[in-house]
Amino acid sequence: MGRPIVLNSSGQAVQNYGDVSRETLERLQIYVDLVLKWQPAQNLIAPSTIPDIWTRHVADSLQTQWSYPEAKTWVDVGSGGGFPGVVTAILLAEDPGTHVHMIESNQRKAAFLRTALRETGSNGTVHAGRIESVAKEWQHGPVDAVSARALASLDLLFQLSEPFTAKGAKAVFHKGQDFQREVNEASARWHFDMIEKISLVDPESRMLLFSNISNRPE
């Protein structure tokens, strides 16, 4: 890739495929420490991925904001432990006028997300509720981009994000090696423009960037 490897303070390596400031790396370290601290009680990430948290989760999540660097206001649906929502907020922490909304129905995980935003000094709001309900009653202004990682099928993601994409928001979804099947299935119900990018972390995975999403007439 031609990029240097950046070490976090614990000596673990994370591939730096973009410009990440020292302040951002410090915030990411604070966040990772919080994830590991809360992990035993909250199960925020799969236990098997803990040794590779910097590549499997942090570096993978960095790609979300990098997909739409011009986006100022984000909605991350089904935020879970904050990958990628908190990482996006950290990347935007020094950019005035930016905000990341995270929707998470699990109250305990929502509490963790609020703690992560506060401790990292990042701009964001956690909406504790079901995605359908929060999106339907949205009164928090325009949204530039929607994100989700390891949440649902592409068809369902289009349904969940429709209140935002119908008003012009773009979307970026992390997908694994079975992404083409999901694209084909979603195409039966939805119109969309798509850009496919190979994941910088896993060559078999994809970052799928969508715009102009609309439901096909019955």
N, C-alpha and C. Protein backbone atom coordinates (compact mmCIF):
# COMPACT_ATOMS: atom_id res chain seq x y z
N MET A 1 0.81 -1.20 0.00
CA MET A 1 0.00 0.00 0.00
C MET A 1 0.86 1.27 0.00
N GLY A 2 2.12 1.13 0.44
CA GLY A 2 3.00 2.27 0.40
C GLY A 2 2.83 3.24 1.55
N ARG A 3 2.05 2.86 2.58
CA ARG A 3 1.82 3.74 3.73
C ARG A 3 2.60 3.19 4.93
N PRO A 4 3.01 4.05 5.85
CA PRO A 4 3.72 3.56 7.04
C PRO A 4 2.78 2.85 8.00
N ILE A 5 3.34 2.07 8.87
CA ILE A 5 2.56 1.44 9.93
C ILE A 5 2.66 2.31 11.17
N VAL A 6 1.54 2.67 11.75
CA VAL A 6 1.50 3.50 12.94
C VAL A 6 1.30 2.59 14.15
N LEU A 7 2.10 2.79 15.19
CA LEU A 7 1.97 2.01 16.41
C LEU A 7 1.18 2.80 17.44
N ASN A 8 0.24 2.14 18.09
CA ASN A 8 -0.44 2.80 19.20
C ASN A 8 0.45 2.70 20.43
N SER A 9 0.02 3.27 21.53
CA SER A 9 0.89 3.38 22.70
C SER A 9 1.21 2.03 23.33
N SER A 10 0.42 1.01 23.01
CA SER A 10 0.69 -0.32 23.55
C SER A 10 1.60 -1.14 22.64
N GLY A 11 2.01 -0.54 21.53
CA GLY A 11 2.91 -1.23 20.62
C GLY A 11 2.21 -2.07 19.58
N GLN A 12 0.87 -2.02 19.55
CA GLN A 12 0.13 -2.75 18.53
C GLN A 12 0.13 -1.93 17.24
N ALA A 13 0.10 -2.60 16.11
CA ALA A 13 0.20 -1.90 14.83
C ALA A 13 -1.17 -1.75 14.18
N VAL A 14 -1.39 -0.61 13.59
CA VAL A 14 -2.59 -0.39 12.79
C VAL A 14 -2.15 0.23 11.48
N GLN A 15 -2.61 -0.31 10.39
CA GLN A 15 -2.23 0.22 9.09
C GLN A 15 -2.77 1.63 8.93
N ASN A 16 -1.90 2.55 8.60
CA ASN A 16 -2.33 3.93 8.39
C ASN A 16 -2.45 4.20 6.89
N TYR A 17 -3.67 4.05 6.37
CA TYR A 17 -3.88 4.22 4.93
C TYR A 17 -4.32 5.64 4.59
N GLY A 18 -4.32 6.52 5.55
CA GLY A 18 -4.72 7.90 5.32
C GLY A 18 -4.04 8.81 6.32
N ASP A 19 -4.35 10.07 6.27
CA ASP A 19 -3.75 11.04 7.17
C ASP A 19 -4.46 11.03 8.51
N VAL A 20 -3.79 10.56 9.52
CA VAL A 20 -4.35 10.52 10.87
C VAL A 20 -3.42 11.32 11.78
N SER A 21 -3.96 12.35 12.42
CA SER A 21 -3.15 13.21 13.27
C SER A 21 -2.80 12.51 14.57
N ARG A 22 -1.78 13.04 15.26
CA ARG A 22 -1.40 12.49 16.56
C ARG A 22 -2.57 12.59 17.54
N GLU A 23 -3.31 13.71 17.49
CA GLU A 23 -4.46 13.88 18.37
C GLU A 23 -5.52 12.82 18.11
N THR A 24 -5.73 12.51 16.83
CA THR A 24 -6.70 11.47 16.48
C THR A 24 -6.27 10.11 17.00
N LEU A 25 -4.98 9.80 16.85
CA LEU A 25 -4.47 8.53 17.35
C LEU A 25 -4.62 8.44 18.87
N GLU A 26 -4.42 9.56 19.54
CA GLU A 26 -4.59 9.57 21.00
C GLU A 26 -6.05 9.30 21.38
N ARG A 27 -6.96 9.92 20.63
CA ARG A 27 -8.38 9.67 20.88
C ARG A 27 -8.75 8.21 20.60
N LEU A 28 -8.21 7.67 19.53
CA LEU A 28 -8.47 6.26 19.20
C LEU A 28 -7.96 5.35 20.31
N GLN A 29 -6.80 5.68 20.87
CA GLN A 29 -6.25 4.88 21.97
C GLN A 29 -7.17 4.92 23.19
N ILE A 30 -7.68 6.11 23.50
CA ILE A 30 -8.62 6.24 24.62
C ILE A 30 -9.85 5.36 24.38
N TYR A 31 -10.36 5.40 23.15
CA TYR A 31 -11.54 4.61 22.80
C TYR A 31 -11.27 3.11 22.90
N VAL A 32 -10.16 2.67 22.36
CA VAL A 32 -9.82 1.24 22.42
C VAL A 32 -9.69 0.79 23.88
N ASP A 33 -9.05 1.62 24.71
CA ASP A 33 -8.92 1.27 26.13
C ASP A 33 -10.30 1.14 26.78
N LEU A 34 -11.24 2.02 26.40
CA LEU A 34 -12.60 1.94 26.93
C LEU A 34 -13.30 0.67 26.48
N VAL A 35 -13.15 0.33 25.20
CA VAL A 35 -13.76 -0.91 24.69
C VAL A 35 -13.26 -2.11 25.49
N LEU A 36 -11.96 -2.18 25.69
CA LEU A 36 -11.39 -3.32 26.41
C LEU A 36 -11.82 -3.33 27.88
N LYS A 37 -12.00 -2.16 28.47
CA LYS A 37 -12.44 -2.07 29.86
C LYS A 37 -13.89 -2.53 30.02
N TRP A 38 -14.74 -2.13 29.08
CA TRP A 38 -16.16 -2.47 29.15
C TRP A 38 -16.47 -3.85 28.56
N GLN A 39 -15.55 -4.42 27.81
CA GLN A 39 -15.79 -5.67 27.09
C GLN A 39 -16.29 -6.81 27.97
N PRO A 40 -15.70 -7.07 29.13
CA PRO A 40 -16.17 -8.22 29.93
C PRO A 40 -17.65 -8.15 30.28
N ALA A 41 -18.15 -6.94 30.54
CA ALA A 41 -19.56 -6.80 30.93
C ALA A 41 -20.49 -6.61 29.75
N GLN A 42 -19.99 -6.01 28.65
CA GLN A 42 -20.85 -5.61 27.55
C GLN A 42 -20.71 -6.46 26.29
N ASN A 43 -19.62 -7.20 26.15
CA ASN A 43 -19.38 -7.98 24.93
C ASN A 43 -19.53 -7.10 23.69
N LEU A 44 -18.74 -6.02 23.64
CA LEU A 44 -18.85 -5.03 22.58
C LEU A 44 -18.34 -5.53 21.24
N ILE A 45 -17.35 -6.41 21.26
CA ILE A 45 -16.81 -7.00 20.04
C ILE A 45 -16.66 -8.50 20.25
N ALA A 46 -16.53 -9.25 19.16
CA ALA A 46 -16.35 -10.70 19.30
C ALA A 46 -15.05 -10.97 20.05
N PRO A 47 -15.09 -11.78 21.10
CA PRO A 47 -13.89 -12.04 21.89
C PRO A 47 -12.69 -12.49 21.06
N SER A 48 -12.94 -13.24 20.01
CA SER A 48 -11.84 -13.74 19.18
C SER A 48 -11.10 -12.64 18.45
N THR A 49 -11.72 -11.46 18.34
CA THR A 49 -11.09 -10.36 17.60
C THR A 49 -10.34 -9.39 18.49
N ILE A 50 -10.35 -9.61 19.80
CA ILE A 50 -9.69 -8.68 20.72
C ILE A 50 -8.21 -8.50 20.40
N PRO A 51 -7.44 -9.58 20.15
CA PRO A 51 -6.02 -9.37 19.85
C PRO A 51 -5.76 -8.53 18.60
N ASP A 52 -6.73 -8.49 17.69
CA ASP A 52 -6.57 -7.76 16.43
C ASP A 52 -7.48 -6.53 16.37
N ILE A 53 -7.82 -5.96 17.53
CA ILE A 53 -8.79 -4.87 17.56
C ILE A 53 -8.37 -3.69 16.70
N TRP A 54 -7.07 -3.42 16.61
CA TRP A 54 -6.63 -2.25 15.86
C TRP A 54 -6.80 -2.41 14.35
N THR A 55 -6.68 -3.63 13.86
CA THR A 55 -6.89 -3.83 12.42
C THR A 55 -8.33 -4.24 12.12
N ARG A 56 -8.85 -5.22 12.86
CA ARG A 56 -10.18 -5.76 12.59
C ARG A 56 -11.28 -4.74 12.82
N HIS A 57 -11.09 -3.83 13.76
CA HIS A 57 -12.16 -2.90 14.11
C HIS A 57 -11.80 -1.44 13.86
N VAL A 58 -10.66 -0.99 14.39
CA VAL A 58 -10.32 0.43 14.25
C VAL A 58 -10.01 0.78 12.80
N ALA A 59 -9.02 0.10 12.22
CA ALA A 59 -8.63 0.41 10.83
C ALA A 59 -9.80 0.19 9.88
N ASP A 60 -10.56 -0.87 10.10
CA ASP A 60 -11.72 -1.14 9.25
C ASP A 60 -12.73 0.00 9.33
N SER A 61 -12.94 0.53 10.53
CA SER A 61 -13.93 1.60 10.72
C SER A 61 -13.45 2.95 10.20
N LEU A 62 -12.13 3.16 10.13
CA LEU A 62 -11.62 4.41 9.58
C LEU A 62 -12.10 4.62 8.14
N GLN A 63 -12.33 3.51 7.45
CA GLN A 63 -12.71 3.60 6.03
C GLN A 63 -14.08 4.24 5.83
N THR A 64 -14.92 4.22 6.87
CA THR A 64 -16.26 4.77 6.73
C THR A 64 -16.21 6.26 6.44
N GLN A 65 -15.58 7.02 7.32
CA GLN A 65 -15.51 8.46 7.11
C GLN A 65 -14.68 8.80 5.89
N TRP A 66 -13.64 8.02 5.62
CA TRP A 66 -12.81 8.26 4.43
C TRP A 66 -13.61 8.06 3.14
N SER A 67 -14.70 7.29 3.21
CA SER A 67 -15.51 7.06 2.00
C SER A 67 -16.23 8.32 1.56
N TYR A 68 -16.66 9.14 2.53
CA TYR A 68 -17.34 10.40 2.23
C TYR A 68 -16.73 11.51 3.09
N PRO A 69 -15.51 11.92 2.78
CA PRO A 69 -14.82 12.90 3.64
C PRO A 69 -15.50 14.26 3.69
N GLU A 70 -16.36 14.54 2.70
CA GLU A 70 -17.04 15.83 2.68
C GLU A 70 -18.28 15.85 3.57
N ALA A 71 -18.74 14.69 4.02
CA ALA A 71 -19.95 14.60 4.84
C ALA A 71 -19.72 15.21 6.22
N LYS A 72 -20.60 16.10 6.62
CA LYS A 72 -20.49 16.78 7.91
C LYS A 72 -21.36 16.12 8.99
N THR A 73 -22.54 15.66 8.59
CA THR A 73 -23.47 15.06 9.55
C THR A 73 -23.72 13.60 9.16
N TRP A 74 -23.45 12.72 10.10
CA TRP A 74 -23.58 11.28 9.87
C TRP A 74 -24.67 10.68 10.77
N VAL A 75 -25.30 9.62 10.28
CA VAL A 75 -26.13 8.76 11.12
C VAL A 75 -25.58 7.36 11.01
N ASP A 76 -25.17 6.79 12.14
CA ASP A 76 -24.70 5.41 12.18
C ASP A 76 -25.80 4.57 12.80
N VAL A 77 -26.31 3.60 12.06
CA VAL A 77 -27.45 2.80 12.53
C VAL A 77 -26.96 1.49 13.14
N GLY A 78 -27.60 1.10 14.24
CA GLY A 78 -27.19 -0.12 14.93
C GLY A 78 -25.75 -0.03 15.40
N SER A 79 -25.44 1.01 16.17
CA SER A 79 -24.04 1.35 16.45
C SER A 79 -23.30 0.35 17.33
N GLY A 80 -24.00 -0.41 18.16
CA GLY A 80 -23.33 -1.42 18.97
C GLY A 80 -22.25 -0.82 19.85
N GLY A 81 -21.02 -1.31 19.68
CA GLY A 81 -19.90 -0.82 20.46
C GLY A 81 -19.23 0.41 19.88
N GLY A 82 -19.75 0.92 18.78
CA GLY A 82 -19.22 2.17 18.23
C GLY A 82 -18.33 2.05 17.02
N PHE A 83 -18.21 0.84 16.47
CA PHE A 83 -17.49 0.67 15.22
C PHE A 83 -18.52 0.58 14.09
N PRO A 84 -18.63 1.58 13.22
CA PRO A 84 -17.69 2.69 13.02
C PRO A 84 -18.11 4.04 13.61
N GLY A 85 -19.27 4.15 14.27
CA GLY A 85 -19.78 5.45 14.65
C GLY A 85 -18.84 6.30 15.48
N VAL A 86 -18.28 5.71 16.55
CA VAL A 86 -17.37 6.47 17.40
C VAL A 86 -16.09 6.82 16.64
N VAL A 87 -15.59 5.90 15.83
CA VAL A 87 -14.39 6.16 15.05
C VAL A 87 -14.62 7.32 14.08
N THR A 88 -15.79 7.36 13.46
CA THR A 88 -16.13 8.49 12.58
C THR A 88 -16.14 9.79 13.37
N ALA A 89 -16.74 9.78 14.57
CA ALA A 89 -16.78 10.97 15.41
C ALA A 89 -15.38 11.42 15.81
N ILE A 90 -14.51 10.47 16.08
CA ILE A 90 -13.13 10.80 16.44
C ILE A 90 -12.41 11.45 15.27
N LEU A 91 -12.59 10.91 14.08
CA LEU A 91 -11.95 11.50 12.90
C LEU A 91 -12.43 12.93 12.64
N LEU A 92 -13.67 13.23 13.04
CA LEU A 92 -14.25 14.54 12.78
C LEU A 92 -14.15 15.47 13.99
N ALA A 93 -13.51 15.02 15.06
CA ALA A 93 -13.50 15.77 16.31
C ALA A 93 -12.90 17.16 16.18
N GLU A 94 -11.97 17.33 15.26
CA GLU A 94 -11.31 18.63 15.09
C GLU A 94 -11.90 19.43 13.93
N ASP A 95 -13.01 18.94 13.38
CA ASP A 95 -13.64 19.60 12.23
C ASP A 95 -14.92 20.31 12.69
N PRO A 96 -14.92 21.63 12.79
CA PRO A 96 -16.10 22.36 13.28
C PRO A 96 -17.34 22.09 12.42
N GLY A 97 -18.48 22.04 13.07
CA GLY A 97 -19.73 21.88 12.34
C GLY A 97 -20.07 20.45 11.97
N THR A 98 -19.32 19.49 12.49
CA THR A 98 -19.60 18.08 12.20
C THR A 98 -20.31 17.43 13.38
N HIS A 99 -21.06 16.35 13.10
CA HIS A 99 -21.79 15.66 14.16
C HIS A 99 -22.11 14.25 13.70
N VAL A 100 -21.99 13.31 14.62
CA VAL A 100 -22.32 11.91 14.32
C VAL A 100 -23.45 11.47 15.25
N HIS A 101 -24.56 11.09 14.65
CA HIS A 101 -25.69 10.54 15.40
C HIS A 101 -25.58 9.02 15.39
N MET A 102 -25.68 8.41 16.56
CA MET A 102 -25.61 6.96 16.66
C MET A 102 -26.92 6.41 17.23
N ILE A 103 -27.49 5.47 16.52
CA ILE A 103 -28.76 4.87 16.94
C ILE A 103 -28.49 3.47 17.45
N GLU A 104 -28.85 3.21 18.71
CA GLU A 104 -28.59 1.92 19.34
C GLU A 104 -29.72 1.61 20.32
N SER A 105 -30.35 0.45 20.14
CA SER A 105 -31.51 0.10 20.96
C SER A 105 -31.13 -0.47 22.32
N ASN A 106 -29.92 -1.03 22.43
CA ASN A 106 -29.48 -1.60 23.70
C ASN A 106 -29.05 -0.47 24.65
N GLN A 107 -29.75 -0.33 25.76
CA GLN A 107 -29.52 0.79 26.66
C GLN A 107 -28.11 0.79 27.25
N ARG A 108 -27.58 -0.38 27.55
CA ARG A 108 -26.24 -0.45 28.15
C ARG A 108 -25.18 -0.08 27.12
N LYS A 109 -25.37 -0.50 25.89
CA LYS A 109 -24.41 -0.11 24.87
C LYS A 109 -24.53 1.37 24.55
N ALA A 110 -25.75 1.89 24.62
CA ALA A 110 -25.95 3.33 24.41
C ALA A 110 -25.20 4.12 25.48
N ALA A 111 -25.21 3.62 26.71
CA ALA A 111 -24.47 4.27 27.80
C ALA A 111 -22.98 4.24 27.51
N PHE A 112 -22.50 3.13 26.99
CA PHE A 112 -21.07 3.05 26.63
C PHE A 112 -20.73 4.05 25.54
N LEU A 113 -21.59 4.14 24.53
CA LEU A 113 -21.33 5.07 23.43
C LEU A 113 -21.24 6.51 23.93
N ARG A 114 -22.12 6.87 24.85
CA ARG A 114 -22.07 8.23 25.41
C ARG A 114 -20.76 8.46 26.16
N THR A 115 -20.33 7.44 26.88
CA THR A 115 -19.06 7.54 27.60
C THR A 115 -17.90 7.70 26.62
N ALA A 116 -17.92 6.93 25.54
CA ALA A 116 -16.85 6.99 24.55
C ALA A 116 -16.78 8.36 23.90
N LEU A 117 -17.92 8.94 23.57
CA LEU A 117 -17.93 10.28 22.98
C LEU A 117 -17.38 11.31 23.96
N ARG A 118 -17.81 11.20 25.20
CA ARG A 118 -17.37 12.17 26.21
C ARG A 118 -15.87 12.05 26.47
N GLU A 119 -15.38 10.84 26.65
CA GLU A 119 -13.98 10.63 27.00
C GLU A 119 -13.03 10.97 25.85
N THR A 120 -13.50 10.84 24.62
CA THR A 120 -12.65 11.16 23.48
C THR A 120 -12.83 12.59 22.99
N GLY A 121 -13.76 13.32 23.58
CA GLY A 121 -13.99 14.70 23.18
C GLY A 121 -14.51 14.82 21.77
N SER A 122 -15.39 13.90 21.38
CA SER A 122 -15.90 13.87 20.01
C SER A 122 -17.34 14.38 19.96
N ASN A 123 -17.73 14.92 18.82
CA ASN A 123 -19.07 15.49 18.65
C ASN A 123 -20.05 14.42 18.18
N GLY A 124 -21.01 14.11 19.01
CA GLY A 124 -21.98 13.11 18.63
C GLY A 124 -23.15 13.06 19.59
N THR A 125 -24.21 12.39 19.15
CA THR A 125 -25.40 12.19 19.98
C THR A 125 -25.81 10.73 19.87
N VAL A 126 -26.13 10.14 21.00
CA VAL A 126 -26.59 8.75 21.01
C VAL A 126 -28.10 8.73 21.18
N HIS A 127 -28.79 8.07 20.26
CA HIS A 127 -30.24 7.94 20.31
C HIS A 127 -30.56 6.50 20.73
N ALA A 128 -31.02 6.33 21.96
CA ALA A 128 -31.30 5.00 22.48
C ALA A 128 -32.71 4.58 22.08
N GLY A 129 -32.82 3.77 21.05
CA GLY A 129 -34.12 3.32 20.57
C GLY A 129 -33.98 2.49 19.32
N ARG A 130 -35.08 1.96 18.85
CA ARG A 130 -35.07 1.17 17.63
C ARG A 130 -34.84 2.10 16.43
N ILE A 131 -34.13 1.59 15.47
CA ILE A 131 -33.77 2.40 14.31
C ILE A 131 -35.02 2.93 13.61
N GLU A 132 -36.02 2.06 13.42
CA GLU A 132 -37.23 2.47 12.72
C GLU A 132 -37.92 3.63 13.43
N SER A 133 -37.99 3.56 14.75
CA SER A 133 -38.68 4.60 15.52
C SER A 133 -37.92 5.92 15.50
N VAL A 134 -36.61 5.85 15.74
CA VAL A 134 -35.80 7.07 15.77
C VAL A 134 -35.80 7.74 14.40
N ALA A 135 -35.65 6.95 13.35
CA ALA A 135 -35.59 7.51 12.00
C ALA A 135 -36.93 8.13 11.60
N LYS A 136 -38.03 7.48 11.97
CA LYS A 136 -39.36 7.97 11.60
C LYS A 136 -39.66 9.31 12.24
N GLU A 137 -39.15 9.52 13.45
CA GLU A 137 -39.45 10.74 14.20
C GLU A 137 -38.29 11.73 14.16
N TRP A 138 -37.43 11.61 13.17
CA TRP A 138 -36.21 12.41 13.10
C TRP A 138 -36.51 13.91 13.05
N GLN A 139 -35.92 14.64 13.99
CA GLN A 139 -36.07 16.09 14.04
C GLN A 139 -34.74 16.77 14.35
N HIS A 140 -33.67 16.20 13.80
CA HIS A 140 -32.34 16.68 14.14
C HIS A 140 -31.59 17.24 12.94
N GLY A 141 -32.34 17.68 11.94
CA GLY A 141 -31.73 18.34 10.80
C GLY A 141 -31.29 17.41 9.69
N PRO A 142 -30.75 17.98 8.62
CA PRO A 142 -30.33 17.20 7.45
C PRO A 142 -29.19 16.24 7.79
N VAL A 143 -29.13 15.16 7.03
CA VAL A 143 -28.11 14.14 7.19
C VAL A 143 -27.37 13.98 5.87
N ASP A 144 -26.05 13.98 5.92
CA ASP A 144 -25.25 13.83 4.70
C ASP A 144 -24.98 12.38 4.35
N ALA A 145 -24.76 11.54 5.37
CA ALA A 145 -24.36 10.16 5.09
C ALA A 145 -24.83 9.22 6.20
N VAL A 146 -25.13 7.99 5.81
CA VAL A 146 -25.57 6.94 6.72
C VAL A 146 -24.55 5.81 6.67
N SER A 147 -24.24 5.23 7.83
CA SER A 147 -23.29 4.12 7.86
C SER A 147 -23.84 2.97 8.68
N ALA A 148 -23.30 1.77 8.41
CA ALA A 148 -23.63 0.58 9.20
C ALA A 148 -22.55 -0.45 8.94
N ARG A 149 -22.28 -1.23 9.97
CA ARG A 149 -21.25 -2.27 9.86
C ARG A 149 -21.74 -3.51 10.60
N ALA A 150 -21.73 -4.64 9.92
CA ALA A 150 -22.12 -5.92 10.52
C ALA A 150 -23.48 -5.85 11.18
N LEU A 151 -24.45 -5.30 10.46
CA LEU A 151 -25.78 -5.10 11.06
C LEU A 151 -26.86 -5.95 10.42
N ALA A 152 -27.03 -5.85 9.10
CA ALA A 152 -28.17 -6.51 8.45
C ALA A 152 -27.88 -6.67 6.96
N SER A 153 -28.81 -7.35 6.28
CA SER A 153 -28.69 -7.50 4.83
C SER A 153 -28.81 -6.14 4.16
N LEU A 154 -28.31 -6.04 2.95
CA LEU A 154 -28.35 -4.78 2.22
C LEU A 154 -29.78 -4.31 2.00
N ASP A 155 -30.68 -5.23 1.68
CA ASP A 155 -32.07 -4.87 1.48
C ASP A 155 -32.66 -4.23 2.74
N LEU A 156 -32.38 -4.83 3.90
CA LEU A 156 -32.89 -4.28 5.16
C LEU A 156 -32.22 -2.95 5.50
N LEU A 157 -30.93 -2.83 5.20
CA LEU A 157 -30.23 -1.57 5.44
C LEU A 157 -30.85 -0.43 4.63
N PHE A 158 -31.23 -0.73 3.39
CA PHE A 158 -31.90 0.28 2.57
C PHE A 158 -33.23 0.70 3.20
N GLN A 159 -33.96 -0.27 3.75
CA GLN A 159 -35.23 0.05 4.41
C GLN A 159 -35.01 0.93 5.64
N LEU A 160 -34.04 0.55 6.46
CA LEU A 160 -33.79 1.27 7.70
C LEU A 160 -33.29 2.69 7.46
N SER A 161 -32.52 2.86 6.41
CA SER A 161 -31.92 4.17 6.13
C SER A 161 -32.76 5.03 5.20
N GLU A 162 -33.88 4.51 4.71
CA GLU A 162 -34.70 5.24 3.74
C GLU A 162 -35.15 6.62 4.22
N PRO A 163 -35.52 6.82 5.50
CA PRO A 163 -35.91 8.16 5.92
C PRO A 163 -34.82 9.21 5.67
N PHE A 164 -33.56 8.77 5.61
CA PHE A 164 -32.45 9.69 5.37
C PHE A 164 -32.05 9.74 3.89
N THR A 165 -31.96 8.57 3.27
CA THR A 165 -31.53 8.53 1.87
C THR A 165 -32.58 9.12 0.94
N ALA A 166 -33.87 9.02 1.33
CA ALA A 166 -34.93 9.61 0.51
C ALA A 166 -34.81 11.12 0.44
N LYS A 167 -34.09 11.69 1.38
CA LYS A 167 -33.87 13.15 1.40
C LYS A 167 -32.48 13.53 0.90
N GLY A 168 -31.81 12.55 0.28
CA GLY A 168 -30.55 12.86 -0.38
C GLY A 168 -29.29 12.38 0.31
N ALA A 169 -29.41 11.75 1.48
CA ALA A 169 -28.22 11.25 2.16
C ALA A 169 -27.59 10.10 1.37
N LYS A 170 -26.28 10.05 1.39
CA LYS A 170 -25.57 8.92 0.81
C LYS A 170 -25.41 7.85 1.89
N ALA A 171 -24.93 6.68 1.49
CA ALA A 171 -24.77 5.59 2.45
C ALA A 171 -23.49 4.83 2.17
N VAL A 172 -22.87 4.34 3.22
CA VAL A 172 -21.71 3.45 3.08
C VAL A 172 -21.88 2.29 4.04
N PHE A 173 -21.82 1.08 3.49
CA PHE A 173 -22.02 -0.12 4.28
C PHE A 173 -20.84 -1.07 4.09
N HIS A 174 -20.34 -1.60 5.20
CA HIS A 174 -19.29 -2.60 5.16
C HIS A 174 -19.94 -3.95 4.83
N LYS A 175 -19.36 -4.67 3.88
CA LYS A 175 -19.90 -5.98 3.53
C LYS A 175 -18.78 -6.99 3.34
N GLY A 176 -19.09 -8.26 3.64
CA GLY A 176 -18.11 -9.33 3.52
C GLY A 176 -18.07 -9.92 2.13
N GLN A 177 -17.48 -11.11 2.03
CA GLN A 177 -17.23 -11.72 0.72
C GLN A 177 -18.51 -12.10 -0.02
N ASP A 178 -19.65 -12.16 0.69
CA ASP A 178 -20.92 -12.51 0.06
C ASP A 178 -21.68 -11.27 -0.41
N PHE A 179 -20.96 -10.16 -0.57
CA PHE A 179 -21.60 -8.88 -0.87
C PHE A 179 -22.37 -8.89 -2.19
N GLN A 180 -21.87 -9.61 -3.21
CA GLN A 180 -22.51 -9.57 -4.52
C GLN A 180 -23.91 -10.17 -4.49
N ARG A 181 -24.09 -11.23 -3.71
CA ARG A 181 -25.43 -11.81 -3.57
C ARG A 181 -26.39 -10.79 -2.96
N GLU A 182 -25.94 -10.07 -1.95
CA GLU A 182 -26.79 -9.06 -1.31
C GLU A 182 -27.12 -7.93 -2.27
N VAL A 183 -26.16 -7.53 -3.08
CA VAL A 183 -26.40 -6.47 -4.07
C VAL A 183 -27.45 -6.93 -5.07
N ASN A 184 -27.32 -8.17 -5.53
CA ASN A 184 -28.28 -8.70 -6.51
C ASN A 184 -29.68 -8.77 -5.92
N GLU A 185 -29.79 -9.21 -4.67
CA GLU A 185 -31.10 -9.32 -4.04
C GLU A 185 -31.72 -7.93 -3.84
N ALA A 186 -30.91 -6.97 -3.40
CA ALA A 186 -31.42 -5.62 -3.17
C ALA A 186 -31.84 -4.95 -4.48
N SER A 187 -31.19 -5.32 -5.57
CA SER A 187 -31.50 -4.71 -6.86
C SER A 187 -32.92 -5.01 -7.32
N ALA A 188 -33.50 -6.07 -6.79
CA ALA A 188 -34.87 -6.42 -7.18
C ALA A 188 -35.88 -5.44 -6.60
N ARG A 189 -35.50 -4.74 -5.54
CA ARG A 189 -36.45 -3.84 -4.86
C ARG A 189 -36.02 -2.38 -4.86
N TRP A 190 -34.75 -2.14 -5.22
CA TRP A 190 -34.23 -0.78 -5.08
C TRP A 190 -33.44 -0.34 -6.31
N HIS A 191 -33.57 0.94 -6.63
CA HIS A 191 -32.68 1.60 -7.57
C HIS A 191 -31.56 2.24 -6.77
N PHE A 192 -30.35 2.21 -7.29
CA PHE A 192 -29.25 2.89 -6.60
C PHE A 192 -28.03 2.99 -7.50
N ASP A 193 -27.21 3.98 -7.21
CA ASP A 193 -25.89 4.07 -7.81
C ASP A 193 -24.90 3.57 -6.77
N MET A 194 -23.94 2.75 -7.21
CA MET A 194 -23.03 2.11 -6.26
C MET A 194 -21.59 2.21 -6.71
N ILE A 195 -20.72 2.50 -5.76
CA ILE A 195 -19.28 2.42 -5.97
C ILE A 195 -18.75 1.33 -5.06
N GLU A 196 -18.03 0.39 -5.63
CA GLU A 196 -17.49 -0.74 -4.87
C GLU A 196 -15.99 -0.52 -4.64
N LYS A 197 -15.60 -0.55 -3.38
CA LYS A 197 -14.19 -0.38 -3.04
C LYS A 197 -13.71 -1.59 -2.24
N ILE A 198 -12.57 -2.12 -2.62
CA ILE A 198 -11.99 -3.24 -1.87
C ILE A 198 -11.54 -2.72 -0.50
N SER A 199 -11.88 -3.46 0.54
CA SER A 199 -11.49 -3.07 1.88
C SER A 199 -9.98 -3.01 2.01
N LEU A 200 -9.49 -1.99 2.68
CA LEU A 200 -8.05 -1.86 2.92
C LEU A 200 -7.57 -2.86 3.97
N VAL A 201 -8.51 -3.43 4.72
CA VAL A 201 -8.17 -4.35 5.79
C VAL A 201 -8.31 -5.80 5.37
N ASP A 202 -9.34 -6.09 4.57
CA ASP A 202 -9.61 -7.46 4.13
C ASP A 202 -9.93 -7.45 2.64
N PRO A 203 -9.06 -7.97 1.80
CA PRO A 203 -9.29 -7.90 0.35
C PRO A 203 -10.53 -8.64 -0.13
N GLU A 204 -11.11 -9.48 0.71
CA GLU A 204 -12.34 -10.18 0.33
C GLU A 204 -13.59 -9.40 0.72
N SER A 205 -13.42 -8.37 1.50
CA SER A 205 -14.55 -7.54 1.93
C SER A 205 -14.64 -6.28 1.08
N ARG A 206 -15.76 -5.59 1.19
CA ARG A 206 -15.98 -4.40 0.36
C ARG A 206 -16.57 -3.26 1.20
N MET A 207 -16.22 -2.05 0.80
CA MET A 207 -16.92 -0.85 1.23
C MET A 207 -17.85 -0.50 0.08
N LEU A 208 -19.14 -0.52 0.31
CA LEU A 208 -20.12 -0.23 -0.73
C LEU A 208 -20.69 1.16 -0.49
N LEU A 209 -20.48 2.04 -1.46
CA LEU A 209 -20.91 3.43 -1.36
C LEU A 209 -22.13 3.63 -2.24
N PHE A 210 -23.22 4.13 -1.66
CA PHE A 210 -24.48 4.26 -2.39
C PHE A 210 -24.96 5.70 -2.43
N SER A 211 -25.59 6.05 -3.55
CA SER A 211 -26.26 7.34 -3.70
C SER A 211 -27.48 7.14 -4.57
N ASN A 212 -28.37 8.13 -4.57
CA ASN A 212 -29.59 8.07 -5.39
C ASN A 212 -30.38 6.79 -5.15
N ILE A 213 -30.58 6.46 -3.89
CA ILE A 213 -31.31 5.23 -3.53
C ILE A 213 -32.81 5.51 -3.55
N SER A 214 -33.56 4.65 -4.22
CA SER A 214 -35.01 4.79 -4.24
C SER A 214 -35.65 3.42 -4.39
N ASN A 215 -36.85 3.30 -3.89
CA ASN A 215 -37.58 2.04 -3.94
C ASN A 215 -38.18 1.84 -5.34
N ARG A 216 -38.01 0.64 -5.87
CA ARG A 216 -38.63 0.34 -7.17
C ARG A 216 -40.15 0.24 -7.01
N PRO A 217 -40.92 0.78 -7.94
CA PRO A 217 -42.38 0.64 -7.87
C PRO A 217 -42.79 -0.81 -7.94
N GLU A 218 -43.85 -1.15 -7.25
CA GLU A 218 -44.36 -2.54 -7.30
C GLU A 218 -44.90 -2.86 -8.67
